[in-house]
Amino acid sequence: MIELKDVSKIYRRGSENICAVNKVDLVLNKGDFCAIVGASGSGKTTLMNLIGCIDNPSVGTVKIKNTDVSGLPQKDLTKIRRDTLGFVFQQFFLIPTLTASENVQIPGLFAKNTQRIKRAEELLDLVGLSERIHHRPGEMSGGEMQRTAIARALINSPEILLADEPTGNLDSENAKIVFDTFKKLNKAGLTIIVVTHSKELAKNADKIITIKDGKIQTD
């Protein structure tokens, strides 16, 4: 489902070249639950951005569902991000004046999803927030807001969920609830890739990848 071959990402910083990801080979299959762990600056978020079609590799190829996305035009990348990938971040990015249901529906508006209201309610129930459908972010805990963000990421029925430090702003109890939600979604068939600095939380995944200085240490 996801294949990276000899992938490097090099950034220019003044007169210096910074190799954030260095000659990475990686294969992830449909239904995998993968955790990418590493220290700050190790390259894990850059790797996630390459997988998520947010950034292009300087060298190498990235394939999503057997399609080489490395050199695709932005229009095609946008379609892949909209239809195939779902994103969850450390920040919740919820609109404070909208209810949980309305926040979840937003990506469905851009995709012209005519069933988005019903789908939003189903997803909020799936992540354990059926009683928070009409609540605004200010009326929810951090864990509830993150689960709302997870539901929003699923509104267009992606095949792959990418989560970058999704528990970074949560206490240990809410972090566990979020990872329990990921396990539930994965068991239902969703491919999940999570970037985390927590080796303890990473143990929830079926596959753990450690990255250091832009290189994968174990696979």
C-alpha atoms as a PDB file:
ATOM      1  CA  MET A   1       0.000   0.000   0.000  1.00  0.00           C
ATOM      2  CA  ILE A   2       2.860   2.399   0.852  1.00  0.00           C
ATOM      3  CA  GLU A   3       6.385   1.998  -0.497  1.00  0.00           C
ATOM      4  CA  LEU A   4       9.381   4.298  -0.116  1.00  0.00           C
ATOM      5  CA  LYS A   5      12.481   3.420  -2.093  1.00  0.00           C
ATOM      6  CA  ASP A   6      15.853   5.118  -1.504  1.00  0.00           C
ATOM      7  CA  VAL A   7      14.057   8.267  -0.305  1.00  0.00           C
ATOM      8  CA  SER A   8      15.988  11.302   0.894  1.00  0.00           C
ATOM      9  CA  LYS A   9      14.780  14.804   1.737  1.00  0.00           C
ATOM     10  CA  ILE A  10      17.348  17.584   1.730  1.00  0.00           C
ATOM     11  CA  TYR A  11      16.658  21.127   2.913  1.00  0.00           C
ATOM     12  CA  ARG A  12      18.820  24.150   2.308  1.00  0.00           C
ATOM     13  CA  ARG A  13      19.727  26.163   5.409  1.00  0.00           C
ATOM     14  CA  GLY A  14      21.887  29.092   4.401  1.00  0.00           C
ATOM     15  CA  SER A  15      24.931  27.580   2.707  1.00  0.00           C
ATOM     16  CA  GLU A  16      24.367  24.203   4.368  1.00  0.00           C
ATOM     17  CA  ASN A  17      22.424  21.155   3.144  1.00  0.00           C
ATOM     18  CA  ILE A  18      20.377  19.418   5.849  1.00  0.00           C
ATOM     19  CA  CYS A  19      19.439  15.796   5.137  1.00  0.00           C
ATOM     20  CA  ALA A  20      16.233  15.345   7.156  1.00  0.00           C
ATOM     21  CA  VAL A  21      15.501  11.887   5.706  1.00  0.00           C
ATOM     22  CA  ASN A  22      18.420   9.814   4.456  1.00  0.00           C
ATOM     23  CA  LYS A  23      18.058   6.917   1.982  1.00  0.00           C
ATOM     24  CA  VAL A  24      14.943   5.398   3.529  1.00  0.00           C
ATOM     25  CA  ASP A  25      13.424   2.149   2.255  1.00  0.00           C
ATOM     26  CA  LEU A  26      10.041   1.301   3.741  1.00  0.00           C
ATOM     27  CA  VAL A  27       7.046  -0.889   2.909  1.00  0.00           C
ATOM     28  CA  LEU A  28       3.747  -0.681   4.787  1.00  0.00           C
ATOM     29  CA  ASN A  29       0.875  -3.005   3.956  1.00  0.00           C
ATOM     30  CA  LYS A  30      -2.869  -2.552   4.046  1.00  0.00           C
ATOM     31  CA  GLY A  31      -4.139  -2.922   7.612  1.00  0.00           C
ATOM     32  CA  ASP A  32      -0.813  -2.122   9.282  1.00  0.00           C
ATOM     33  CA  PHE A  33      -0.736  -0.131  12.522  1.00  0.00           C
ATOM     34  CA  CYS A  34       2.701   1.474  12.465  1.00  0.00           C
ATOM     35  CA  ALA A  35       4.362   3.790  14.987  1.00  0.00           C
ATOM     36  CA  ILE A  36       7.306   5.961  13.960  1.00  0.00           C
ATOM     37  CA  VAL A  37       9.389   6.935  16.986  1.00  0.00           C
ATOM     38  CA  GLY A  38      12.442   9.114  17.435  1.00  0.00           C
ATOM     39  CA  ALA A  39      13.830  12.139  19.215  1.00  0.00           C
ATOM     40  CA  SER A  40      13.021  15.712  18.182  1.00  0.00           C
ATOM     41  CA  GLY A  41      14.802  16.498  14.930  1.00  0.00           C
ATOM     42  CA  SER A  42      15.241  12.836  14.023  1.00  0.00           C
ATOM     43  CA  GLY A  43      13.254  13.203  10.791  1.00  0.00           C
ATOM     44  CA  LYS A  44      10.042  11.463  11.806  1.00  0.00           C
ATOM     45  CA  THR A  45       7.707  14.344  10.896  1.00  0.00           C
ATOM     46  CA  THR A  46       9.505  14.852   7.573  1.00  0.00           C
ATOM     47  CA  LEU A  47       9.036  11.145   6.869  1.00  0.00           C
ATOM     48  CA  MET A  48       5.340  11.468   7.703  1.00  0.00           C
ATOM     49  CA  ASN A  49       5.022  14.474   5.367  1.00  0.00           C
ATOM     50  CA  LEU A  50       6.577  12.472   2.534  1.00  0.00           C
ATOM     51  CA  ILE A  51       4.167   9.581   3.100  1.00  0.00           C
ATOM     52  CA  GLY A  52       1.274  12.047   3.318  1.00  0.00           C
ATOM     53  CA  CYS A  53       2.050  13.779   0.002  1.00  0.00           C
ATOM     54  CA  ILE A  54       2.604  17.045   1.868  1.00  0.00           C
ATOM     55  CA  ASP A  55       6.231  17.168   0.718  1.00  0.00           C
ATOM     56  CA  ASN A  56       8.173  15.692  -2.200  1.00  0.00           C
ATOM     57  CA  PRO A  57      11.403  13.703  -1.836  1.00  0.00           C
ATOM     58  CA  SER A  58      14.658  15.203  -3.084  1.00  0.00           C
ATOM     59  CA  VAL A  59      15.715  11.709  -4.187  1.00  0.00           C
ATOM     60  CA  GLY A  60      13.863   8.402  -4.493  1.00  0.00           C
ATOM     61  CA  THR A  61      10.259   7.355  -5.015  1.00  0.00           C
ATOM     62  CA  VAL A  62       7.163   7.319  -2.837  1.00  0.00           C
ATOM     63  CA  LYS A  63       4.314   5.055  -3.919  1.00  0.00           C
ATOM     64  CA  ILE A  64       0.773   5.134  -2.530  1.00  0.00           C
ATOM     65  CA  LYS A  65      -1.374   2.211  -3.712  1.00  0.00           C
ATOM     66  CA  ASN A  66       1.176   1.461  -6.473  1.00  0.00           C
ATOM     67  CA  THR A  67       1.067   5.050  -7.767  1.00  0.00           C
ATOM     68  CA  ASP A  68       4.358   6.948  -7.784  1.00  0.00           C
ATOM     69  CA  VAL A  69       3.375  10.246  -6.172  1.00  0.00           C
ATOM     70  CA  SER A  70       6.900  11.707  -6.145  1.00  0.00           C
ATOM     71  CA  GLY A  71       6.460  13.942  -9.182  1.00  0.00           C
ATOM     72  CA  LEU A  72       2.699  14.312  -9.434  1.00  0.00           C
ATOM     73  CA  PRO A  73       1.210  17.787  -9.988  1.00  0.00           C
ATOM     74  CA  GLN A  74      -0.356  19.490  -6.982  1.00  0.00           C
ATOM     75  CA  LYS A  75      -3.887  18.879  -8.291  1.00  0.00           C
ATOM     76  CA  ASP A  76      -3.361  15.111  -8.221  1.00  0.00           C
ATOM     77  CA  LEU A  77      -1.683  15.220  -4.804  1.00  0.00           C
ATOM     78  CA  THR A  78      -4.633  17.177  -3.419  1.00  0.00           C
ATOM     79  CA  LYS A  79      -7.008  14.484  -4.681  1.00  0.00           C
ATOM     80  CA  ILE A  80      -4.934  11.745  -3.003  1.00  0.00           C
ATOM     81  CA  ARG A  81      -4.853  13.677   0.287  1.00  0.00           C
ATOM     82  CA  ARG A  82      -8.600  14.237   0.098  1.00  0.00           C
ATOM     83  CA  ASP A  83      -9.729  10.763  -0.961  1.00  0.00           C
ATOM     84  CA  THR A  84      -7.091   8.309   0.292  1.00  0.00           C
ATOM     85  CA  LEU A  85      -5.468   9.927   3.336  1.00  0.00           C
ATOM     86  CA  GLY A  86      -6.769  11.281   6.627  1.00  0.00           C
ATOM     87  CA  PHE A  87      -4.680  13.544   8.865  1.00  0.00           C
ATOM     88  CA  VAL A  88      -4.550  14.094  12.634  1.00  0.00           C
ATOM     89  CA  PHE A  89      -2.113  16.549  14.217  1.00  0.00           C
ATOM     90  CA  GLN A  90      -0.885  17.525  17.667  1.00  0.00           C
ATOM     91  CA  GLN A  91      -3.003  20.682  17.481  1.00  0.00           C
ATOM     92  CA  PHE A  92      -6.712  19.977  17.127  1.00  0.00           C
ATOM     93  CA  PHE A  93      -7.496  22.753  14.601  1.00  0.00           C
ATOM     94  CA  LEU A  94     -11.184  22.778  15.545  1.00  0.00           C
ATOM     95  CA  ILE A  95     -13.252  25.882  14.809  1.00  0.00           C
ATOM     96  CA  PRO A  96     -14.416  27.116  18.242  1.00  0.00           C
ATOM     97  CA  THR A  97     -17.780  28.461  17.052  1.00  0.00           C
ATOM     98  CA  LEU A  98     -18.827  25.158  15.448  1.00  0.00           C
ATOM     99  CA  THR A  99     -20.201  22.057  17.141  1.00  0.00           C
ATOM    100  CA  ALA A 100     -18.358  18.742  17.103  1.00  0.00           C
ATOM    101  CA  SER A 101     -20.606  17.529  14.285  1.00  0.00           C
ATOM    102  CA  GLU A 102     -20.059  20.681  12.226  1.00  0.00           C
ATOM    103  CA  ASN A 103     -16.288  20.478  12.675  1.00  0.00           C
ATOM    104  CA  VAL A 104     -16.265  16.847  11.549  1.00  0.00           C
ATOM    105  CA  GLN A 105     -18.284  17.724   8.444  1.00  0.00           C
ATOM    106  CA  ILE A 106     -15.853  20.355   7.113  1.00  0.00           C
ATOM    107  CA  PRO A 107     -13.687  18.103   4.859  1.00  0.00           C
ATOM    108  CA  GLY A 108     -16.908  16.585   3.537  1.00  0.00           C
ATOM    109  CA  LEU A 109     -17.969  20.014   2.262  1.00  0.00           C
ATOM    110  CA  PHE A 110     -14.897  20.251   0.025  1.00  0.00           C
ATOM    111  CA  ALA A 111     -15.415  16.687  -1.200  1.00  0.00           C
ATOM    112  CA  LYS A 112     -19.120  17.402  -1.820  1.00  0.00           C
ATOM    113  CA  ASN A 113     -20.093  14.556   0.486  1.00  0.00           C
ATOM    114  CA  THR A 114     -23.898  14.678   0.511  1.00  0.00           C
ATOM    115  CA  GLN A 115     -24.107  12.252   3.448  1.00  0.00           C
ATOM    116  CA  ARG A 116     -21.728  14.249   5.643  1.00  0.00           C
ATOM    117  CA  ILE A 117     -24.217  15.057   8.446  1.00  0.00           C
ATOM    118  CA  LYS A 118     -25.199  11.422   8.963  1.00  0.00           C
ATOM    119  CA  ARG A 119     -21.590  10.315   8.494  1.00  0.00           C
ATOM    120  CA  ALA A 120     -20.334  12.840  11.080  1.00  0.00           C
ATOM    121  CA  GLU A 121     -22.769  11.539  13.683  1.00  0.00           C
ATOM    122  CA  GLU A 122     -21.767   7.929  12.948  1.00  0.00           C
ATOM    123  CA  LEU A 123     -18.076   8.779  13.303  1.00  0.00           C
ATOM    124  CA  LEU A 124     -18.546  10.682  16.555  1.00  0.00           C
ATOM    125  CA  ASP A 125     -20.382   7.653  17.900  1.00  0.00           C
ATOM    126  CA  LEU A 126     -17.520   5.438  16.684  1.00  0.00           C
ATOM    127  CA  VAL A 127     -14.959   7.457  18.677  1.00  0.00           C
ATOM    128  CA  GLY A 128     -17.190   7.472  21.764  1.00  0.00           C
ATOM    129  CA  LEU A 129     -18.584  10.996  21.482  1.00  0.00           C
ATOM    130  CA  SER A 130     -22.240  10.412  20.674  1.00  0.00           C
ATOM    131  CA  GLU A 131     -23.197  12.623  23.627  1.00  0.00           C
ATOM    132  CA  ARG A 132     -20.940  15.466  22.452  1.00  0.00           C
ATOM    133  CA  ILE A 133     -22.326  15.888  18.927  1.00  0.00           C
ATOM    134  CA  HIS A 134     -23.735  19.363  19.639  1.00  0.00           C
ATOM    135  CA  HIS A 135     -20.952  20.508  21.978  1.00  0.00           C
ATOM    136  CA  ARG A 136     -18.438  23.149  20.925  1.00  0.00           C
ATOM    137  CA  PRO A 137     -14.683  22.703  21.506  1.00  0.00           C
ATOM    138  CA  GLY A 138     -14.759  24.941  24.581  1.00  0.00           C
ATOM    139  CA  GLU A 139     -17.174  22.488  26.193  1.00  0.00           C
ATOM    140  CA  MET A 140     -14.944  19.453  25.596  1.00  0.00           C
ATOM    141  CA  SER A 141     -11.776  18.067  27.189  1.00  0.00           C
ATOM    142  CA  GLY A 142      -8.503  17.831  25.267  1.00  0.00           C
ATOM    143  CA  GLY A 143      -9.034  14.132  24.679  1.00  0.00           C
ATOM    144  CA  GLU A 144     -12.559  14.729  23.383  1.00  0.00           C
ATOM    145  CA  MET A 145     -11.304  17.431  21.025  1.00  0.00           C
ATOM    146  CA  GLN A 146      -8.639  15.104  19.651  1.00  0.00           C
ATOM    147  CA  ARG A 147     -11.176  12.330  19.110  1.00  0.00           C
ATOM    148  CA  THR A 148     -13.334  14.884  17.285  1.00  0.00           C
ATOM    149  CA  ALA A 149     -10.310  15.627  15.094  1.00  0.00           C
ATOM    150  CA  ILE A 150      -9.918  11.890  14.437  1.00  0.00           C
ATOM    151  CA  ALA A 151     -13.567  11.671  13.386  1.00  0.00           C
ATOM    152  CA  ARG A 152     -13.039  14.662  11.084  1.00  0.00           C
ATOM    153  CA  ALA A 153     -10.062  12.894   9.470  1.00  0.00           C
ATOM    154  CA  LEU A 154     -12.333   9.945   8.649  1.00  0.00           C
ATOM    155  CA  ILE A 155     -15.252  11.867   7.104  1.00  0.00           C
ATOM    156  CA  ASN A 156     -14.240  11.039   3.513  1.00  0.00           C
ATOM    157  CA  SER A 157     -13.539   7.372   4.338  1.00  0.00           C
ATOM    158  CA  PRO A 158      -9.749   7.369   3.819  1.00  0.00           C
ATOM    159  CA  GLU A 159      -7.832   4.113   3.544  1.00  0.00           C
ATOM    160  CA  ILE A 160      -4.849   5.470   5.491  1.00  0.00           C
ATOM    161  CA  LEU A 161      -4.833   7.579   8.668  1.00  0.00           C
ATOM    162  CA  LEU A 162      -1.694   9.615   9.419  1.00  0.00           C
ATOM    163  CA  ALA A 163      -1.312  11.025  12.930  1.00  0.00           C
ATOM    164  CA  ASP A 164       1.599  13.318  13.834  1.00  0.00           C
ATOM    165  CA  GLU A 165       2.167  13.462  17.625  1.00  0.00           C
ATOM    166  CA  PRO A 166      -1.602  13.162  18.254  1.00  0.00           C
ATOM    167  CA  THR A 167      -1.163  12.850  22.030  1.00  0.00           C
ATOM    168  CA  GLY A 168       1.448  15.574  22.449  1.00  0.00           C
ATOM    169  CA  ASN A 169      -1.027  17.917  24.179  1.00  0.00           C
ATOM    170  CA  LEU A 170      -2.813  15.244  26.226  1.00  0.00           C
ATOM    171  CA  ASP A 171      -2.361  13.740  29.663  1.00  0.00           C
ATOM    172  CA  SER A 172      -1.594  10.029  29.966  1.00  0.00           C
ATOM    173  CA  GLU A 173      -5.223   9.000  30.483  1.00  0.00           C
ATOM    174  CA  ASN A 174      -6.483  10.812  27.385  1.00  0.00           C
ATOM    175  CA  ALA A 175      -3.452   9.649  25.396  1.00  0.00           C
ATOM    176  CA  LYS A 176      -4.412   6.055  26.172  1.00  0.00           C
ATOM    177  CA  ILE A 177      -8.009   6.706  25.084  1.00  0.00           C
ATOM    178  CA  VAL A 178      -6.778   8.110  21.761  1.00  0.00           C
ATOM    179  CA  PHE A 179      -4.544   5.082  21.128  1.00  0.00           C
ATOM    180  CA  ASP A 180      -7.387   2.756  22.110  1.00  0.00           C
ATOM    181  CA  THR A 181      -9.435   4.550  19.450  1.00  0.00           C
ATOM    182  CA  PHE A 182      -6.669   3.959  16.905  1.00  0.00           C
ATOM    183  CA  LYS A 183      -6.592   0.252  17.792  1.00  0.00           C
ATOM    184  CA  LYS A 184     -10.362   0.039  17.347  1.00  0.00           C
ATOM    185  CA  LEU A 185     -10.162   1.710  13.925  1.00  0.00           C
ATOM    186  CA  ASN A 186      -7.243  -0.483  12.879  1.00  0.00           C
ATOM    187  CA  LYS A 187      -9.129  -3.607  13.890  1.00  0.00           C
ATOM    188  CA  ALA A 188     -11.897  -2.444  11.541  1.00  0.00           C
ATOM    189  CA  GLY A 189      -9.387  -2.419   8.668  1.00  0.00           C
ATOM    190  CA  LEU A 190      -7.941   1.102   8.639  1.00  0.00           C
ATOM    191  CA  THR A 191      -4.215   1.459   7.957  1.00  0.00           C
ATOM    192  CA  ILE A 192      -2.732   3.749  10.626  1.00  0.00           C
ATOM    193  CA  ILE A 193       0.654   5.465  10.841  1.00  0.00           C
ATOM    194  CA  VAL A 194       1.423   7.397  14.027  1.00  0.00           C
ATOM    195  CA  VAL A 195       4.416   9.589  14.799  1.00  0.00           C
ATOM    196  CA  THR A 196       5.096   9.660  18.535  1.00  0.00           C
ATOM    197  CA  HIS A 197       7.956  10.400  20.914  1.00  0.00           C
ATOM    198  CA  SER A 198       6.443   7.963  23.436  1.00  0.00           C
ATOM    199  CA  LYS A 199       7.918   4.473  23.211  1.00  0.00           C
ATOM    200  CA  GLU A 200       5.280   3.312  25.696  1.00  0.00           C
ATOM    201  CA  LEU A 201       2.390   4.417  23.476  1.00  0.00           C
ATOM    202  CA  ALA A 202       4.181   3.050  20.409  1.00  0.00           C
ATOM    203  CA  LYS A 203       3.852  -0.435  21.900  1.00  0.00           C
ATOM    204  CA  ASN A 204       0.160  -0.292  20.925  1.00  0.00           C
ATOM    205  CA  ALA A 205       1.200  -0.536  17.269  1.00  0.00           C
ATOM    206  CA  ASP A 206       1.894  -3.772  15.393  1.00  0.00           C
ATOM    207  CA  LYS A 207       5.017  -2.346  13.776  1.00  0.00           C
ATOM    208  CA  ILE A 208       7.485   0.102  15.342  1.00  0.00           C
ATOM    209  CA  ILE A 209       9.969   2.052  13.233  1.00  0.00           C
ATOM    210  CA  THR A 210      12.740   3.975  14.968  1.00  0.00           C
ATOM    211  CA  ILE A 211      14.321   6.862  13.096  1.00  0.00           C
ATOM    212  CA  LYS A 212      17.573   8.572  14.059  1.00  0.00           C
ATOM    213  CA  ASP A 213      19.400  11.278  12.106  1.00  0.00           C
ATOM    214  CA  GLY A 214      17.034  10.686   9.198  1.00  0.00           C
ATOM    215  CA  LYS A 215      17.767   6.963   8.969  1.00  0.00           C
ATOM    216  CA  ILE A 216      15.530   4.044   9.918  1.00  0.00           C
ATOM    217  CA  GLN A 217      17.163   1.998  12.669  1.00  0.00           C
ATOM    218  CA  THR A 218      14.728  -0.925  12.850  1.00  0.00           C
ATOM    219  CA  ASP A 219      11.813  -2.111  10.784  1.00  0.00           C
END
